[in-house]
Every structure is written in C-alpha cells, then in structure tokens.
Amino acid sequence: MQFFGSQEKLVNLEYKLFLEIREKIAKEILRIQKTAEIVATLDVLTSFANVAETLNYVMPEVDNSGEIVIEEGRHPSIEKMLSARKLCSK
C-alpha cells in the first residue's frame, strides 16, 4: 500500500511543479511572443538572402525620380518555367 501512496505523492508533486512552470511562463508571455516574432522575421530575411545569393539576385537602386527603369530584369516564376523547359528538352 505504501507504493500507491508514494505514487500519488509523486503525481501531486509533478502537477505542482507543472503549475509553477506554467505560471512562470505566463508571466513572460509578452517577452516570449516578441522573441518569437523577431526570430520569425530573421528566418524570413535569411531565406530571402539565401534565395538571392543562390539565384544571383541584386538589390535594386531606388530613388525619388518617380521612374521605374528595369534593366536585365527577370521574374522568378518565368525563370523557373524556362529552366524547367530546358531540362525537359534535353
């Protein structure tokens, strides 16, 4: 019978610890959410940088002239379609 009493005490202790941890996390929820938002932004920007490097993209020059001049512009979707056609025709 002592085993069952010990088991019950252990379950109660685990539950108490769970509640304490949950409380501590709840107090830091805004900080955790802000950190998650920053990490997500870094993840997206890193992915953009990797794609730009892999596909040899360059940063556009932007000014206040009101004109849009595209030299040697490429559209990513068209590039994919063209490269897929090249592979199929070989």
PDB file of N, CA and C in Angstrom:
ATOM      1  N   MET A   1       0.805  -1.203   0.000  1.00  0.00           N
ATOM      2  CA  MET A   1       0.000   0.000   0.000  1.00  0.00           C
ATOM      3  C   MET A   1       0.847   1.266   0.000  1.00  0.00           C
ATOM      4  N   GLN A   2       2.026   1.186   0.589  1.00  0.00           N
ATOM      5  CA  GLN A   2       2.889   2.362   0.666  1.00  0.00           C
ATOM      6  C   GLN A   2       3.295   2.821  -0.739  1.00  0.00           C
ATOM      7  N   PHE A   3       3.436   1.873  -1.669  1.00  0.00           N
ATOM      8  CA  PHE A   3       3.803   2.208  -3.043  1.00  0.00           C
ATOM      9  C   PHE A   3       2.771   3.135  -3.679  1.00  0.00           C
ATOM     10  N   PHE A   4       1.492   2.833  -3.463  1.00  0.00           N
ATOM     11  CA  PHE A   4       0.431   3.645  -4.046  1.00  0.00           C
ATOM     12  C   PHE A   4       0.405   5.042  -3.442  1.00  0.00           C
ATOM     13  N   GLY A   5       0.682   5.159  -2.166  1.00  0.00           N
ATOM     14  CA  GLY A   5       0.746   6.469  -1.524  1.00  0.00           C
ATOM     15  C   GLY A   5       1.908   7.279  -2.074  1.00  0.00           C
ATOM     16  N   SER A   6       3.055   6.623  -2.268  1.00  0.00           N
ATOM     17  CA  SER A   6       4.232   7.297  -2.828  1.00  0.00           C
ATOM     18  C   SER A   6       3.961   7.731  -4.262  1.00  0.00           C
ATOM     19  N   GLN A   7       3.296   6.865  -5.000  1.00  0.00           N
ATOM     20  CA  GLN A   7       2.975   7.180  -6.398  1.00  0.00           C
ATOM     21  C   GLN A   7       2.067   8.407  -6.465  1.00  0.00           C
ATOM     22  N   GLU A   8       1.085   8.451  -5.585  1.00  0.00           N
ATOM     23  CA  GLU A   8       0.149   9.586  -5.557  1.00  0.00           C
ATOM     24  C   GLU A   8       0.887  10.874  -5.188  1.00  0.00           C
ATOM     25  N   LYS A   9       1.811  10.785  -4.210  1.00  0.00           N
ATOM     26  CA  LYS A   9       2.602  11.954  -3.825  1.00  0.00           C
ATOM     27  C   LYS A   9       3.449  12.441  -5.001  1.00  0.00           C
ATOM     28  N   LEU A  10       4.018  11.505  -5.728  1.00  0.00           N
ATOM     29  CA  LEU A  10       4.842  11.858  -6.879  1.00  0.00           C
ATOM     30  C   LEU A  10       4.011  12.567  -7.949  1.00  0.00           C
ATOM     31  N   VAL A  11       2.829  12.046  -8.212  1.00  0.00           N
ATOM     32  CA  VAL A  11       1.931  12.671  -9.198  1.00  0.00           C
ATOM     33  C   VAL A  11       1.557  14.080  -8.744  1.00  0.00           C
ATOM     34  N   ASN A  12       1.243  14.230  -7.474  1.00  0.00           N
ATOM     35  CA  ASN A  12       0.892  15.559  -6.949  1.00  0.00           C
ATOM     36  C   ASN A  12       2.066  16.527  -7.043  1.00  0.00           C
ATOM     37  N   LEU A  13       3.265  16.059  -6.745  1.00  0.00           N
ATOM     38  CA  LEU A  13       4.460  16.895  -6.838  1.00  0.00           C
ATOM     39  C   LEU A  13       4.708  17.320  -8.288  1.00  0.00           C
ATOM     40  N   GLU A  14       4.594  16.378  -9.203  1.00  0.00           N
ATOM     41  CA  GLU A  14       4.773  16.699 -10.616  1.00  0.00           C
ATOM     42  C   GLU A  14       3.760  17.747 -11.066  1.00  0.00           C
ATOM     43  N   TYR A  15       2.513  17.585 -10.638  1.00  0.00           N
ATOM     44  CA  TYR A  15       1.475  18.536 -11.024  1.00  0.00           C
ATOM     45  C   TYR A  15       1.760  19.919 -10.444  1.00  0.00           C
ATOM     46  N   LYS A  16       2.215  19.954  -9.184  1.00  0.00           N
ATOM     47  CA  LYS A  16       2.554  21.227  -8.544  1.00  0.00           C
ATOM     48  C   LYS A  16       3.690  21.921  -9.317  1.00  0.00           C
ATOM     49  N   LEU A  17       4.716  21.149  -9.691  1.00  0.00           N
ATOM     50  CA  LEU A  17       5.825  21.708 -10.471  1.00  0.00           C
ATOM     51  C   LEU A  17       5.350  22.203 -11.833  1.00  0.00           C
ATOM     52  N   PHE A  18       4.463  21.438 -12.452  1.00  0.00           N
ATOM     53  CA  PHE A  18       3.889  21.854 -13.739  1.00  0.00           C
ATOM     54  C   PHE A  18       3.176  23.198 -13.604  1.00  0.00           C
ATOM     55  N   LEU A  19       2.372  23.360 -12.566  1.00  0.00           N
ATOM     56  CA  LEU A  19       1.651  24.618 -12.350  1.00  0.00           C
ATOM     57  C   LEU A  19       2.617  25.780 -12.125  1.00  0.00           C
ATOM     58  N   GLU A  20       3.688  25.534 -11.375  1.00  0.00           N
ATOM     59  CA  GLU A  20       4.687  26.590 -11.125  1.00  0.00           C
ATOM     60  C   GLU A  20       5.368  27.017 -12.423  1.00  0.00           C
ATOM     61  N   ILE A  21       5.750  26.039 -13.224  1.00  0.00           N
ATOM     62  CA  ILE A  21       6.402  26.351 -14.502  1.00  0.00           C
ATOM     63  C   ILE A  21       5.449  27.107 -15.414  1.00  0.00           C
ATOM     64  N   ARG A  22       4.200  26.647 -15.453  1.00  0.00           N
ATOM     65  CA  ARG A  22       3.201  27.310 -16.294  1.00  0.00           C
ATOM     66  C   ARG A  22       2.994  28.758 -15.863  1.00  0.00           C
ATOM     67  N   GLU A  23       3.001  29.007 -14.560  1.00  0.00           N
ATOM     68  CA  GLU A  23       2.845  30.356 -14.026  1.00  0.00           C
ATOM     69  C   GLU A  23       4.024  31.252 -14.429  1.00  0.00           C
ATOM     70  N   LYS A  24       5.232  30.709 -14.304  1.00  0.00           N
ATOM     71  CA  LYS A  24       6.419  31.480 -14.675  1.00  0.00           C
ATOM     72  C   LYS A  24       6.401  31.831 -16.166  1.00  0.00           C
ATOM     73  N   ILE A  25       6.002  30.887 -16.977  1.00  0.00           N
ATOM     74  CA  ILE A  25       5.931  31.128 -18.420  1.00  0.00           C
ATOM     75  C   ILE A  25       4.868  32.181 -18.722  1.00  0.00           C
ATOM     76  N   ALA A  26       3.733  32.092 -18.056  1.00  0.00           N
ATOM     77  CA  ALA A  26       2.646  33.051 -18.278  1.00  0.00           C
ATOM     78  C   ALA A  26       3.092  34.482 -17.976  1.00  0.00           C
ATOM     79  N   LYS A  27       3.941  34.640 -16.965  1.00  0.00           N
ATOM     80  CA  LYS A  27       4.437  35.976 -16.617  1.00  0.00           C
ATOM     81  C   LYS A  27       5.351  36.548 -17.705  1.00  0.00           C
ATOM     82  N   GLU A  28       5.946  35.684 -18.506  1.00  0.00           N
ATOM     83  CA  GLU A  28       6.895  36.111 -19.536  1.00  0.00           C
ATOM     84  C   GLU A  28       6.309  36.022 -20.946  1.00  0.00           C
ATOM     85  N   ILE A  29       5.005  35.856 -21.051  1.00  0.00           N
ATOM     86  CA  ILE A  29       4.390  35.579 -22.356  1.00  0.00           C
ATOM     87  C   ILE A  29       4.644  36.689 -23.379  1.00  0.00           C
ATOM     88  N   LEU A  30       4.572  37.933 -22.979  1.00  0.00           N
ATOM     89  CA  LEU A  30       4.808  39.023 -23.937  1.00  0.00           C
ATOM     90  C   LEU A  30       6.239  38.990 -24.467  1.00  0.00           C
ATOM     91  N   ARG A  31       7.177  38.747 -23.584  1.00  0.00           N
ATOM     92  CA  ARG A  31       8.584  38.664 -23.993  1.00  0.00           C
ATOM     93  C   ARG A  31       8.804  37.464 -24.915  1.00  0.00           C
ATOM     94  N   ILE A  32       8.183  36.346 -24.600  1.00  0.00           N
ATOM     95  CA  ILE A  32       8.313  35.144 -25.436  1.00  0.00           C
ATOM     96  C   ILE A  32       7.716  35.392 -26.815  1.00  0.00           C
ATOM     97  N   GLN A  33       6.542  36.033 -26.858  1.00  0.00           N
ATOM     98  CA  GLN A  33       5.898  36.324 -28.144  1.00  0.00           C
ATOM     99  C   GLN A  33       6.734  37.293 -28.983  1.00  0.00           C
ATOM    100  N   LYS A  34       7.294  38.307 -28.351  1.00  0.00           N
ATOM    101  CA  LYS A  34       8.127  39.276 -29.071  1.00  0.00           C
ATOM    102  C   LYS A  34       9.377  38.583 -29.618  1.00  0.00           C
ATOM    103  N   THR A  35       9.981  37.721 -28.820  1.00  0.00           N
ATOM    104  CA  THR A  35      11.154  36.978 -29.274  1.00  0.00           C
ATOM    105  C   THR A  35      10.797  36.080 -30.447  1.00  0.00           C
ATOM    106  N   ALA A  36       9.660  35.418 -30.377  1.00  0.00           N
ATOM    107  CA  ALA A  36       9.211  34.550 -31.476  1.00  0.00           C
ATOM    108  C   ALA A  36       8.989  35.361 -32.749  1.00  0.00           C
ATOM    109  N   GLU A  37       8.437  36.554 -32.608  1.00  0.00           N
ATOM    110  CA  GLU A  37       8.211  37.428 -33.767  1.00  0.00           C
ATOM    111  C   GLU A  37       9.543  37.833 -34.408  1.00  0.00           C
ATOM    112  N   ILE A  38      10.514  38.165 -33.592  1.00  0.00           N
ATOM    113  CA  ILE A  38      11.835  38.556 -34.092  1.00  0.00           C
ATOM    114  C   ILE A  38      12.514  37.379 -34.787  1.00  0.00           C
ATOM    115  N   VAL A  39      12.429  36.204 -34.187  1.00  0.00           N
ATOM    116  CA  VAL A  39      13.036  35.008 -34.779  1.00  0.00           C
ATOM    117  C   VAL A  39      12.372  34.694 -36.127  1.00  0.00           C
ATOM    118  N   ALA A  40      11.053  34.840 -36.200  1.00  0.00           N
ATOM    119  CA  ALA A  40      10.333  34.590 -37.456  1.00  0.00           C
ATOM    120  C   ALA A  40      10.777  35.577 -38.537  1.00  0.00           C
ATOM    121  N   THR A  41      10.929  36.836 -38.173  1.00  0.00           N
ATOM    122  CA  THR A  41      11.389  37.849 -39.134  1.00  0.00           C
ATOM    123  C   THR A  41      12.795  37.528 -39.621  1.00  0.00           C
ATOM    124  N   LEU A  42      13.682  37.172 -38.706  1.00  0.00           N
ATOM    125  CA  LEU A  42      15.044  36.791 -39.091  1.00  0.00           C
ATOM    126  C   LEU A  42      15.046  35.577 -40.011  1.00  0.00           C
ATOM    127  N   ASP A  43      14.163  34.632 -39.743  1.00  0.00           N
ATOM    128  CA  ASP A  43      14.052  33.436 -40.571  1.00  0.00           C
ATOM    129  C   ASP A  43      13.657  33.798 -42.001  1.00  0.00           C
ATOM    130  N   VAL A  44      12.667  34.666 -42.140  1.00  0.00           N
ATOM    131  CA  VAL A  44      12.220  35.089 -43.477  1.00  0.00           C
ATOM    132  C   VAL A  44      13.332  35.840 -44.202  1.00  0.00           C
ATOM    133  N   LEU A  45      13.968  36.783 -43.520  1.00  0.00           N
ATOM    134  CA  LEU A  45      15.026  37.570 -44.159  1.00  0.00           C
ATOM    135  C   LEU A  45      16.216  36.694 -44.552  1.00  0.00           C
ATOM    136  N   THR A  46      16.548  35.729 -43.720  1.00  0.00           N
ATOM    137  CA  THR A  46      17.631  34.801 -44.047  1.00  0.00           C
ATOM    138  C   THR A  46      17.275  33.975 -45.276  1.00  0.00           C
ATOM    139  N   SER A  47      16.025  33.530 -45.349  1.00  0.00           N
ATOM    140  CA  SER A  47      15.582  32.768 -46.521  1.00  0.00           C
ATOM    141  C   SER A  47      15.660  33.623 -47.777  1.00  0.00           C
ATOM    142  N   PHE A  48      15.220  34.871 -47.689  1.00  0.00           N
ATOM    143  CA  PHE A  48      15.328  35.785 -48.837  1.00  0.00           C
ATOM    144  C   PHE A  48      16.786  35.942 -49.264  1.00  0.00           C
ATOM    145  N   ALA A  49      17.670  36.109 -48.291  1.00  0.00           N
ATOM    146  CA  ALA A  49      19.088  36.287 -48.604  1.00  0.00           C
ATOM    147  C   ALA A  49      19.656  35.037 -49.268  1.00  0.00           C
ATOM    148  N   ASN A  50      19.283  33.867 -48.784  1.00  0.00           N
ATOM    149  CA  ASN A  50      19.766  32.617 -49.387  1.00  0.00           C
ATOM    150  C   ASN A  50      19.285  32.476 -50.828  1.00  0.00           C
ATOM    151  N   VAL A  51      18.019  32.775 -51.067  1.00  0.00           N
ATOM    152  CA  VAL A  51      17.475  32.695 -52.434  1.00  0.00           C
ATOM    153  C   VAL A  51      18.171  33.712 -53.332  1.00  0.00           C
ATOM    154  N   ALA A  52      18.354  34.935 -52.840  1.00  0.00           N
ATOM    155  CA  ALA A  52      19.011  35.971 -53.631  1.00  0.00           C
ATOM    156  C   ALA A  52      20.435  35.561 -53.998  1.00  0.00           C
ATOM    157  N   GLU A  53      21.141  34.978 -53.055  1.00  0.00           N
ATOM    158  CA  GLU A  53      22.512  34.546 -53.338  1.00  0.00           C
ATOM    159  C   GLU A  53      22.528  33.375 -54.314  1.00  0.00           C
ATOM    160  N   THR A  54      21.654  32.410 -54.085  1.00  0.00           N
ATOM    161  CA  THR A  54      21.602  31.220 -54.946  1.00  0.00           C
ATOM    162  C   THR A  54      21.239  31.578 -56.386  1.00  0.00           C
ATOM    163  N   LEU A  55      20.265  32.480 -56.539  1.00  0.00           N
ATOM    164  CA  LEU A  55      19.778  32.828 -57.883  1.00  0.00           C
ATOM    165  C   LEU A  55      20.449  34.078 -58.448  1.00  0.00           C
ATOM    166  N   ASN A  56      21.444  34.590 -57.725  1.00  0.00           N
ATOM    167  CA  ASN A  56      22.222  35.738 -58.178  1.00  0.00           C
ATOM    168  C   ASN A  56      21.368  36.995 -58.367  1.00  0.00           C
ATOM    169  N   TYR A  57      20.449  37.235 -57.431  1.00  0.00           N
ATOM    170  CA  TYR A  57      19.634  38.442 -57.475  1.00  0.00           C
ATOM    171  C   TYR A  57      20.447  39.605 -56.923  1.00  0.00           C
ATOM    172  N   VAL A  58      20.107  40.810 -57.359  1.00  0.00           N
ATOM    173  CA  VAL A  58      20.782  42.003 -56.847  1.00  0.00           C
ATOM    174  C   VAL A  58      19.740  42.955 -56.270  1.00  0.00           C
ATOM    175  N   MET A  59      20.188  43.824 -55.380  1.00  0.00           N
ATOM    176  CA  MET A  59      19.290  44.797 -54.770  1.00  0.00           C
ATOM    177  C   MET A  59      19.033  45.944 -55.742  1.00  0.00           C
ATOM    178  N   PRO A  60      17.791  46.332 -55.948  1.00  0.00           N
ATOM    179  CA  PRO A  60      17.502  47.429 -56.876  1.00  0.00           C
ATOM    180  C   PRO A  60      17.938  48.774 -56.295  1.00  0.00           C
ATOM    181  N   GLU A  61      18.224  49.688 -57.195  1.00  0.00           N
ATOM    182  CA  GLU A  61      18.512  51.054 -56.766  1.00  0.00           C
ATOM    183  C   GLU A  61      17.193  51.813 -56.789  1.00  0.00           C
ATOM    184  N   VAL A  62      16.866  52.441 -55.680  1.00  0.00           N
ATOM    185  CA  VAL A  62      15.603  53.166 -55.567  1.00  0.00           C
ATOM    186  C   VAL A  62      15.918  54.638 -55.334  1.00  0.00           C
ATOM    187  N   ASP A  63      15.222  55.501 -56.096  1.00  0.00           N
ATOM    188  CA  ASP A  63      15.394  56.936 -55.891  1.00  0.00           C
ATOM    189  C   ASP A  63      14.019  57.612 -55.913  1.00  0.00           C
ATOM    190  N   ASN A  64      13.987  58.899 -55.868  1.00  0.00           N
ATOM    191  CA  ASN A  64      12.728  59.638 -55.825  1.00  0.00           C
ATOM    192  C   ASN A  64      12.326  60.201 -57.179  1.00  0.00           C
ATOM    193  N   SER A  65      12.870  59.688 -58.274  1.00  0.00           N
ATOM    194  CA  SER A  65      12.593  60.240 -59.599  1.00  0.00           C
ATOM    195  C   SER A  65      11.172  59.952 -60.077  1.00  0.00           C
ATOM    196  N   GLY A  66      10.532  58.944 -59.506  1.00  0.00           N
ATOM    197  CA  GLY A  66       9.190  58.588 -59.961  1.00  0.00           C
ATOM    198  C   GLY A  66       9.215  57.682 -61.180  1.00  0.00           C
ATOM    199  N   GLU A  67      10.394  57.317 -61.661  1.00  0.00           N
ATOM    200  CA  GLU A  67      10.534  56.448 -62.825  1.00  0.00           C
ATOM    201  C   GLU A  67      10.884  55.031 -62.384  1.00  0.00           C
ATOM    202  N   ILE A  68      10.411  54.088 -63.184  1.00  0.00           N
ATOM    203  CA  ILE A  68      10.797  52.704 -62.963  1.00  0.00           C
ATOM    204  C   ILE A  68      11.572  52.252 -64.190  1.00  0.00           C
ATOM    205  N   VAL A  69      12.837  51.966 -63.995  1.00  0.00           N
ATOM    206  CA  VAL A  69      13.691  51.507 -65.081  1.00  0.00           C
ATOM    207  C   VAL A  69      14.226  50.126 -64.695  1.00  0.00           C
ATOM    208  N   ILE A  70      13.856  49.143 -65.498  1.00  0.00           N
ATOM    209  CA  ILE A  70      14.308  47.782 -65.214  1.00  0.00           C
ATOM    210  C   ILE A  70      15.258  47.361 -66.325  1.00  0.00           C
ATOM    211  N   GLU A  71      16.490  47.077 -65.947  1.00  0.00           N
ATOM    212  CA  GLU A  71      17.485  46.621 -66.903  1.00  0.00           C
ATOM    213  C   GLU A  71      17.829  45.175 -66.587  1.00  0.00           C
ATOM    214  N   GLU A  72      17.737  44.333 -67.579  1.00  0.00           N
ATOM    215  CA  GLU A  72      18.028  42.910 -67.423  1.00  0.00           C
ATOM    216  C   GLU A  72      17.195  42.293 -66.298  1.00  0.00           C
ATOM    217  N   GLY A  73      15.938  42.725 -66.202  1.00  0.00           N
ATOM    218  CA  GLY A  73      15.058  42.214 -65.164  1.00  0.00           C
ATOM    219  C   GLY A  73      14.634  40.781 -65.449  1.00  0.00           C
ATOM    220  N   ARG A  74      14.423  40.039 -64.401  1.00  0.00           N
ATOM    221  CA  ARG A  74      13.986  38.652 -64.517  1.00  0.00           C
ATOM    222  C   ARG A  74      12.877  38.409 -63.505  1.00  0.00           C
ATOM    223  N   HIS A  75      11.881  37.665 -63.917  1.00  0.00           N
ATOM    224  CA  HIS A  75      10.806  37.306 -62.990  1.00  0.00           C
ATOM    225  C   HIS A  75      11.061  35.882 -62.509  1.00  0.00           C
ATOM    226  N   PRO A  76      11.059  35.660 -61.185  1.00  0.00           N
ATOM    227  CA  PRO A  76      11.398  34.339 -60.643  1.00  0.00           C
ATOM    228  C   PRO A  76      10.535  33.199 -61.204  1.00  0.00           C
ATOM    229  N   SER A  77       9.238  33.427 -61.378  1.00  0.00           N
ATOM    230  CA  SER A  77       8.364  32.359 -61.891  1.00  0.00           C
ATOM    231  C   SER A  77       8.702  32.015 -63.328  1.00  0.00           C
ATOM    232  N   ILE A  78       8.966  33.035 -64.146  1.00  0.00           N
ATOM    233  CA  ILE A  78       9.331  32.803 -65.545  1.00  0.00           C
ATOM    234  C   ILE A  78      10.673  32.082 -65.623  1.00  0.00           C
ATOM    235  N   GLU A  79      11.616  32.493 -64.781  1.00  0.00           N
ATOM    236  CA  GLU A  79      12.923  31.833 -64.730  1.00  0.00           C
ATOM    237  C   GLU A  79      12.766  30.338 -64.440  1.00  0.00           C
ATOM    238  N   LYS A  80      11.911  30.004 -63.473  1.00  0.00           N
ATOM    239  CA  LYS A  80      11.679  28.602 -63.122  1.00  0.00           C
ATOM    240  C   LYS A  80      11.093  27.839 -64.305  1.00  0.00           C
ATOM    241  N   MET A  81      10.104  28.448 -64.970  1.00  0.00           N
ATOM    242  CA  MET A  81       9.467  27.779 -66.110  1.00  0.00           C
ATOM    243  C   MET A  81      10.469  27.554 -67.237  1.00  0.00           C
ATOM    244  N   LEU A  82      11.286  28.551 -67.510  1.00  0.00           N
ATOM    245  CA  LEU A  82      12.270  28.431 -68.585  1.00  0.00           C
ATOM    246  C   LEU A  82      13.310  27.362 -68.267  1.00  0.00           C
ATOM    247  N   SER A  83      13.773  27.336 -67.020  1.00  0.00           N
ATOM    248  CA  SER A  83      14.777  26.328 -66.657  1.00  0.00           C
ATOM    249  C   SER A  83      14.159  24.927 -66.665  1.00  0.00           C
ATOM    250  N   ALA A  84      12.880  24.820 -66.309  1.00  0.00           N
ATOM    251  CA  ALA A  84      12.206  23.516 -66.358  1.00  0.00           C
ATOM    252  C   ALA A  84      12.059  23.050 -67.804  1.00  0.00           C
ATOM    253  N   ARG A  85      11.775  23.965 -68.712  1.00  0.00           N
ATOM    254  CA  ARG A  85      11.661  23.603 -70.142  1.00  0.00           C
ATOM    255  C   ARG A  85      13.003  23.148 -70.690  1.00  0.00           C
ATOM    256  N   LYS A  86      14.066  23.825 -70.282  1.00  0.00           N
ATOM    257  CA  LYS A  86      15.400  23.434 -70.736  1.00  0.00           C
ATOM    258  C   LYS A  86      15.716  22.009 -70.309  1.00  0.00           C
ATOM    259  N   LEU A  87      15.334  21.674 -69.064  1.00  0.00           N
ATOM    260  CA  LEU A  87      15.590  20.324 -68.557  1.00  0.00           C
ATOM    261  C   LEU A  87      14.766  19.290 -69.305  1.00  0.00           C
ATOM    262  N   CYS A  88      13.538  19.629 -69.661  1.00  0.00           N
ATOM    263  CA  CYS A  88      12.657  18.678 -70.363  1.00  0.00           C
ATOM    264  C   CYS A  88      13.084  18.461 -71.810  1.00  0.00           C
ATOM    265  N   SER A  89      13.664  19.491 -72.420  1.00  0.00           N
ATOM    266  CA  SER A  89      14.040  19.379 -73.829  1.00  0.00           C
ATOM    267  C   SER A  89      15.348  18.647 -74.022  1.00  0.00           C
ATOM    268  N   LYS A  90      16.079  18.367 -72.950  1.00  0.00           N
ATOM    269  CA  LYS A  90      17.378  17.669 -73.071  1.00  0.00           C
ATOM    270  C   LYS A  90      17.212  16.191 -73.182  1.00  0.00           C
TER     271      LYS A  90
END
